[in-house]
C-alpha atoms as a PDB file:
ATOM      1  CA  UNK A   1    -195.170 -85.947 -55.715  1.00  0.00           C
ATOM      2  CA  UNK A   2    -198.095 -85.917 -58.092  1.00  0.00           C
ATOM      3  CA  UNK A   3    -198.099 -83.215 -60.733  1.00  0.00           C
ATOM      4  CA  UNK A   4    -201.410 -81.848 -61.842  1.00  0.00           C
ATOM      5  CA  UNK A   5    -202.813 -79.667 -64.577  1.00  0.00           C
ATOM      6  CA  UNK A   6    -200.409 -77.234 -66.149  1.00  0.00           C
ATOM      7  CA  UNK A   7    -197.406 -78.786 -64.386  1.00  0.00           C
ATOM      8  CA  UNK A   8    -197.606 -81.850 -66.610  1.00  0.00           C
ATOM      9  CA  UNK A   9    -196.945 -79.795 -69.727  1.00  0.00           C
ATOM     10  CA  UNK A  10    -193.472 -79.545 -71.221  1.00  0.00           C
ATOM     11  CA  UNK A  11    -193.719 -75.759 -71.425  1.00  0.00           C
ATOM     12  CA  UNK A  12    -193.988 -75.619 -67.631  1.00  0.00           C
ATOM     13  CA  UNK A  13    -190.732 -77.577 -67.406  1.00  0.00           C
ATOM     14  CA  UNK A  14    -189.167 -75.087 -69.853  1.00  0.00           C
ATOM     15  CA  UNK A  15    -190.267 -72.285 -67.512  1.00  0.00           C
ATOM     16  CA  UNK A  16    -188.780 -74.071 -64.487  1.00  0.00           C
ATOM     17  CA  UNK A  17    -185.498 -74.717 -66.317  1.00  0.00           C
ATOM     18  CA  UNK A  18    -185.326 -71.038 -67.262  1.00  0.00           C
ATOM     19  CA  UNK A  19    -186.032 -69.958 -63.679  1.00  0.00           C
ATOM     20  CA  UNK A  20    -183.551 -72.375 -62.072  1.00  0.00           C
ATOM     21  CA  UNK A  21    -180.811 -71.539 -64.569  1.00  0.00           C
ATOM     22  CA  UNK A  22    -181.307 -67.846 -63.818  1.00  0.00           C
ATOM     23  CA  UNK A  23    -181.021 -68.440 -60.078  1.00  0.00           C
ATOM     24  CA  UNK A  24    -177.865 -70.535 -60.421  1.00  0.00           C
ATOM     25  CA  UNK A  25    -176.312 -67.934 -62.717  1.00  0.00           C
ATOM     26  CA  UNK A  26    -177.160 -65.206 -60.200  1.00  0.00           C
ATOM     27  CA  UNK A  27    -175.435 -67.231 -57.489  1.00  0.00           C
ATOM     28  CA  UNK A  28    -172.366 -67.583 -59.725  1.00  0.00           C
ATOM     29  CA  UNK A  29    -172.016 -63.834 -60.402  1.00  0.00           C
ATOM     30  CA  UNK A  30    -170.208 -62.913 -57.140  1.00  0.00           C
ATOM     31  CA  UNK A  31    -167.490 -65.485 -57.876  1.00  0.00           C
ATOM     32  CA  UNK A  32    -167.233 -64.201 -61.431  1.00  0.00           C
ATOM     33  CA  UNK A  33    -166.821 -60.599 -60.274  1.00  0.00           C
ATOM     34  CA  UNK A  34    -164.260 -61.653 -57.670  1.00  0.00           C
ATOM     35  CA  UNK A  35    -162.144 -63.331 -60.369  1.00  0.00           C
ATOM     36  CA  UNK A  36    -162.459 -60.231 -62.549  1.00  0.00           C
ATOM     37  CA  UNK A  37    -161.300 -58.098 -59.631  1.00  0.00           C
ATOM     38  CA  UNK A  38    -158.183 -60.272 -59.361  1.00  0.00           C
ATOM     39  CA  UNK A  39    -157.190 -59.091 -62.824  1.00  0.00           C
ATOM     40  CA  UNK A  40    -157.195 -55.509 -61.549  1.00  0.00           C
ATOM     41  CA  UNK A  41    -155.781 -56.013 -58.056  1.00  0.00           C
ATOM     42  CA  UNK A  42    -153.441 -59.006 -58.178  1.00  0.00           C
ATOM     43  CA  UNK A  43    -152.486 -60.434 -61.574  1.00  0.00           C
ATOM     44  CA  UNK A  44    -150.296 -63.115 -59.956  1.00  0.00           C
ATOM     45  CA  UNK A  45    -153.295 -64.436 -58.006  1.00  0.00           C
ATOM     46  CA  UNK A  46    -155.310 -64.422 -61.225  1.00  0.00           C
ATOM     47  CA  UNK A  47    -152.625 -66.504 -62.939  1.00  0.00           C
ATOM     48  CA  UNK A  48    -152.756 -68.970 -60.044  1.00  0.00           C
ATOM     49  CA  UNK A  49    -156.518 -69.205 -60.306  1.00  0.00           C
ATOM     50  CA  UNK A  50    -156.413 -69.656 -64.064  1.00  0.00           C
ATOM     51  CA  UNK A  51    -153.914 -72.503 -63.735  1.00  0.00           C
ATOM     52  CA  UNK A  52    -156.387 -74.167 -61.364  1.00  0.00           C
ATOM     53  CA  UNK A  53    -158.981 -74.142 -64.147  1.00  0.00           C
ATOM     54  CA  UNK A  54    -157.040 -76.764 -66.115  1.00  0.00           C
ATOM     55  CA  UNK A  55    -158.416 -79.588 -63.962  1.00  0.00           C
ATOM     56  CA  UNK A  56    -161.056 -81.846 -65.554  1.00  0.00           C
ATOM     57  CA  UNK A  57    -163.679 -81.197 -62.875  1.00  0.00           C
ATOM     58  CA  UNK A  58    -163.396 -77.448 -63.402  1.00  0.00           C
ATOM     59  CA  UNK A  59    -163.912 -77.960 -67.134  1.00  0.00           C
ATOM     60  CA  UNK A  60    -166.956 -80.085 -66.327  1.00  0.00           C
ATOM     61  CA  UNK A  61    -168.285 -77.303 -64.084  1.00  0.00           C
ATOM     62  CA  UNK A  62    -167.653 -74.818 -66.896  1.00  0.00           C
ATOM     63  CA  UNK A  63    -169.679 -77.082 -69.170  1.00  0.00           C
ATOM     64  CA  UNK A  64    -172.564 -76.959 -66.707  1.00  0.00           C
ATOM     65  CA  UNK A  65    -172.264 -73.204 -66.418  1.00  0.00           C
ATOM     66  CA  UNK A  66    -172.214 -72.643 -70.185  1.00  0.00           C
ATOM     67  CA  UNK A  67    -175.155 -75.031 -70.518  1.00  0.00           C
ATOM     68  CA  UNK A  68    -177.151 -73.066 -67.935  1.00  0.00           C
ATOM     69  CA  UNK A  69    -176.203 -69.774 -69.559  1.00  0.00           C
ATOM     70  CA  UNK A  70    -177.168 -70.903 -73.047  1.00  0.00           C
ATOM     71  CA  UNK A  71    -180.400 -72.545 -71.887  1.00  0.00           C
ATOM     72  CA  UNK A  72    -181.276 -69.381 -69.999  1.00  0.00           C
ATOM     73  CA  UNK A  73    -180.488 -67.263 -73.062  1.00  0.00           C
ATOM     74  CA  UNK A  74    -182.384 -69.369 -75.576  1.00  0.00           C
ATOM     75  CA  UNK A  75    -185.228 -69.932 -73.118  1.00  0.00           C
ATOM     76  CA  UNK A  76    -185.441 -66.172 -72.670  1.00  0.00           C
ATOM     77  CA  UNK A  77    -185.660 -65.726 -76.418  1.00  0.00           C
ATOM     78  CA  UNK A  78    -188.470 -68.271 -76.444  1.00  0.00           C
ATOM     79  CA  UNK A  79    -190.280 -66.315 -73.725  1.00  0.00           C
ATOM     80  CA  UNK A  80    -189.855 -63.076 -75.644  1.00  0.00           C
ATOM     81  CA  UNK A  81    -191.290 -64.753 -78.721  1.00  0.00           C
ATOM     82  CA  UNK A  82    -194.149 -66.032 -76.571  1.00  0.00           C
ATOM     83  CA  UNK A  83    -194.959 -62.504 -75.401  1.00  0.00           C
ATOM     84  CA  UNK A  84    -194.454 -60.631 -78.657  1.00  0.00           C
ATOM     85  CA  UNK A  85    -195.624 -63.092 -81.270  1.00  0.00           C
ATOM     86  CA  UNK A  86    -199.079 -64.595 -81.571  1.00  0.00           C
ATOM     87  CA  UNK A  87    -199.558 -67.905 -79.755  1.00  0.00           C
ATOM     88  CA  UNK A  88    -199.010 -70.928 -81.931  1.00  0.00           C
ATOM     89  CA  UNK A  89    -199.026 -74.659 -81.515  1.00  0.00           C
ATOM     90  CA  UNK A  90    -195.265 -74.677 -82.164  1.00  0.00           C
ATOM     91  CA  UNK A  91    -194.389 -73.338 -78.692  1.00  0.00           C
ATOM     92  CA  UNK A  92    -193.287 -76.810 -77.559  1.00  0.00           C
ATOM     93  CA  UNK A  93    -191.025 -77.007 -80.591  1.00  0.00           C
ATOM     94  CA  UNK A  94    -189.518 -73.642 -79.654  1.00  0.00           C
ATOM     95  CA  UNK A  95    -188.871 -74.876 -76.099  1.00  0.00           C
ATOM     96  CA  UNK A  96    -187.242 -78.073 -77.365  1.00  0.00           C
ATOM     97  CA  UNK A  97    -185.182 -76.061 -79.836  1.00  0.00           C
ATOM     98  CA  UNK A  98    -183.983 -73.773 -77.029  1.00  0.00           C
ATOM     99  CA  UNK A  99    -182.892 -76.785 -74.994  1.00  0.00           C
ATOM    100  CA  UNK A 100    -181.178 -78.383 -78.001  1.00  0.00           C
ATOM    101  CA  UNK A 101    -179.384 -75.154 -78.908  1.00  0.00           C
ATOM    102  CA  UNK A 102    -178.192 -74.754 -75.323  1.00  0.00           C
ATOM    103  CA  UNK A 103    -176.935 -78.323 -75.236  1.00  0.00           C
ATOM    104  CA  UNK A 104    -175.155 -77.949 -78.587  1.00  0.00           C
ATOM    105  CA  UNK A 105    -173.490 -74.698 -77.561  1.00  0.00           C
ATOM    106  CA  UNK A 106    -172.347 -76.037 -74.195  1.00  0.00           C
ATOM    107  CA  UNK A 107    -171.079 -79.282 -75.714  1.00  0.00           C
ATOM    108  CA  UNK A 108    -169.097 -77.455 -78.382  1.00  0.00           C
ATOM    109  CA  UNK A 109    -167.576 -75.235 -75.672  1.00  0.00           C
ATOM    110  CA  UNK A 110    -166.712 -78.289 -73.566  1.00  0.00           C
ATOM    111  CA  UNK A 111    -165.127 -80.129 -76.485  1.00  0.00           C
ATOM    112  CA  UNK A 112    -163.154 -77.044 -77.425  1.00  0.00           C
ATOM    113  CA  UNK A 113    -161.930 -76.656 -73.838  1.00  0.00           C
ATOM    114  CA  UNK A 114    -160.880 -80.296 -73.521  1.00  0.00           C
ATOM    115  CA  UNK A 115    -159.312 -80.695 -76.971  1.00  0.00           C
ATOM    116  CA  UNK A 116    -157.562 -77.341 -77.341  1.00  0.00           C
ATOM    117  CA  UNK A 117    -157.253 -76.384 -73.662  1.00  0.00           C
END
């Protein structure tokens, strides 16, 4: 697949990452609300589910989820800055900073979950 024009720019990839992370987070929300409903309806089932989250692959999935959430958050802040602030040549730096901040936040969460969890 040959990319042309604006699709070769790194800011377009920042837009796509923001869009895809938002879609994946929206797909995750029903599961999240179901688990929250367990706390209200059946605390024993919630305890069983929470014990299942001690497995390494669940922690790895949590890492991916926190990464998507933080990238979506920081990417959204970058988009707000893009709309509200005057355009500058530092927009690529803002996009890279959003990605780096998301990675740092998700990695610190993952390390905390594996070391202290």
